Amino acid sequence: MSIEQITPKLIIEGADAAIRYYTDVFGATLQQRHEAEGRVVFAALGLPCGAVFEVKDADDFDTDPLRLGGRGLLLTVVSADPDRLAERMAEAGGEIVFEVADQPYGARQGRVRDPFGHEWIVGRPLP
């Protein structure tokens, strides 16, 4: 058995707003979007690096983790300019959790919480 791909799906209250946010800050492109009864049931966003992630509106079956008192997903993004990416995310409505800085484990990283509660470690390896 071999795994060919893993694709994260973010459950969000307000998927269309999230699609706009990720398009603006990550340069994502909307590859597919399907709705039923006025709610986004599936949307695929492609990133310039070729990776894909998905979003959907929360519903009775897939509850937004924030509404349950939980946390969103924690995802890692490698960027040539993590400082600028974190800045863009914050300017678009995200919140800096940890400032981007050189870390003792050989990376320049920080963490940003997007407006939908998901947190993104943004960074790059140090030479």
Protein backbone atom coordinates (compact mmCIF):
# COMPACT_ATOMS: atom_id res chain seq x y z
CA MET A 1 0.00 0.00 0.00
CA SER A 2 1.30 3.44 -0.87
CA ILE A 3 -0.25 6.79 -0.13
CA GLU A 4 -0.24 9.09 -3.13
CA GLN A 5 -1.64 12.24 -1.57
CA ILE A 6 -3.08 13.75 1.58
CA THR A 7 -5.29 16.80 1.21
CA PRO A 8 -6.38 18.83 4.23
CA LYS A 9 -9.98 20.05 4.29
CA LEU A 10 -10.76 23.05 6.46
CA ILE A 11 -14.25 23.17 7.97
CA ILE A 12 -15.20 26.82 8.16
CA GLU A 13 -18.22 28.89 9.04
CA GLY A 14 -18.16 31.17 5.99
CA ALA A 15 -16.29 29.19 3.32
CA ASP A 16 -16.69 31.87 0.64
CA ALA A 17 -14.97 34.44 2.85
CA ALA A 18 -12.20 31.91 3.48
CA ILE A 19 -11.81 31.29 -0.24
CA ARG A 20 -11.35 35.03 -0.78
CA TYR A 21 -8.83 35.25 2.10
CA TYR A 22 -6.71 32.31 0.89
CA THR A 23 -6.84 33.58 -2.68
CA ASP A 24 -5.59 36.99 -1.56
CA VAL A 25 -2.88 35.97 0.90
CA PHE A 26 -1.59 32.71 -0.64
CA GLY A 27 -2.20 33.46 -4.30
CA ALA A 28 -4.46 30.40 -4.37
CA THR A 29 -6.72 29.72 -7.31
CA LEU A 30 -10.20 28.30 -6.95
CA GLN A 31 -10.15 25.02 -8.88
CA GLN A 32 -13.61 23.76 -7.97
CA ARG A 33 -16.55 25.00 -5.94
CA HIS A 34 -19.83 23.18 -5.35
CA GLU A 35 -22.73 24.19 -3.17
CA ALA A 36 -25.98 22.71 -1.96
CA GLU A 37 -28.76 24.62 -0.25
CA GLY A 38 -26.70 27.81 -0.26
CA ARG A 39 -23.66 26.30 1.49
CA VAL A 40 -20.26 25.40 0.07
CA VAL A 41 -20.00 21.61 0.29
CA PHE A 42 -16.69 21.36 -1.54
CA ALA A 43 -14.10 23.81 -2.76
CA ALA A 44 -10.57 23.00 -3.91
CA LEU A 45 -7.88 25.68 -3.86
CA GLY A 46 -4.62 25.27 -5.71
CA LEU A 47 -1.43 26.93 -4.54
CA PRO A 48 1.31 28.21 -6.84
CA CYS A 49 3.59 25.37 -5.60
CA GLY A 50 1.13 22.78 -6.93
CA ALA A 51 -0.36 21.77 -3.55
CA VAL A 52 -4.12 21.67 -3.12
CA PHE A 53 -6.28 22.11 -0.04
CA GLU A 54 -10.02 22.11 0.42
CA VAL A 55 -12.59 24.11 2.35
CA LYS A 56 -16.26 23.63 3.08
CA ASP A 57 -18.92 25.32 5.12
CA ALA A 58 -19.63 23.85 8.51
CA ASP A 59 -22.88 21.93 8.73
CA ASP A 60 -24.64 19.48 11.06
CA PHE A 61 -22.21 16.70 10.20
CA ASP A 62 -18.94 18.68 9.90
CA THR A 63 -18.94 21.23 12.70
CA ASP A 64 -16.59 24.19 12.76
CA PRO A 65 -14.12 23.19 15.51
CA LEU A 66 -14.22 26.71 16.96
CA ARG A 67 -17.94 26.34 17.65
CA LEU A 68 -17.15 23.24 19.71
CA GLY A 69 -14.69 25.21 21.81
CA GLY A 70 -11.78 23.56 20.01
CA ARG A 71 -9.05 24.76 17.73
CA GLY A 72 -8.68 24.76 14.00
CA LEU A 73 -6.03 22.86 12.12
CA LEU A 74 -2.33 23.68 12.39
CA LEU A 75 -0.74 23.75 8.95
CA THR A 76 2.80 24.51 7.79
CA VAL A 77 3.60 26.70 4.78
CA VAL A 78 7.13 26.98 3.42
CA SER A 79 7.74 30.38 1.84
CA ALA A 80 10.79 32.14 0.47
CA ASP A 81 9.66 35.23 2.42
CA PRO A 82 7.83 34.11 5.57
CA ASP A 83 8.04 37.59 7.11
CA ARG A 84 6.07 39.11 4.22
CA LEU A 85 3.62 36.21 4.10
CA ALA A 86 2.83 36.57 7.82
CA GLU A 87 2.43 40.31 7.32
CA ARG A 88 0.01 39.78 4.41
CA MET A 89 -2.01 37.28 6.42
CA ALA A 90 -2.31 39.73 9.33
CA GLU A 91 -3.16 42.67 7.06
CA ALA A 92 -5.99 40.60 5.56
CA GLY A 93 -7.52 39.89 8.99
CA GLY A 94 -5.30 37.20 10.52
CA GLU A 95 -3.64 37.43 13.91
CA ILE A 96 0.07 36.95 14.61
CA VAL A 97 0.41 34.20 17.24
CA PHE A 98 4.23 34.09 17.16
CA GLU A 99 6.34 36.61 15.26
CA VAL A 100 8.51 35.21 12.48
CA ALA A 101 12.02 34.73 13.87
CA ASP A 102 15.08 32.54 13.50
CA GLN A 103 14.47 29.35 15.49
CA PRO A 104 17.15 27.19 17.17
CA TYR A 105 16.06 24.16 15.11
CA GLY A 106 17.25 25.72 11.84
CA ALA A 107 14.20 27.50 10.48
CA ARG A 108 12.87 31.03 10.25
CA GLN A 109 9.25 30.59 11.34
CA GLY A 110 6.28 32.22 12.93
CA ARG A 111 2.61 31.41 13.38
CA VAL A 112 -0.52 33.22 12.18
CA ARG A 113 -4.15 32.44 13.05
CA ASP A 114 -6.39 33.14 10.09
CA PRO A 115 -9.79 34.82 10.58
CA PHE A 116 -11.42 31.36 10.60
CA GLY A 117 -9.41 29.95 13.51
CA HIS A 118 -6.91 27.82 11.60
CA GLU A 119 -3.24 28.42 12.39
CA TRP A 120 -0.46 28.49 9.85
CA ILE A 121 3.22 28.05 10.66
CA VAL A 122 4.94 30.14 8.00
CA GLY A 123 8.64 29.70 7.50
CA ARG A 124 11.61 28.52 5.56
CA PRO A 125 14.74 26.54 6.40
CA LEU A 126 17.78 28.59 7.38
CA PRO A 127 20.91 28.09 5.27
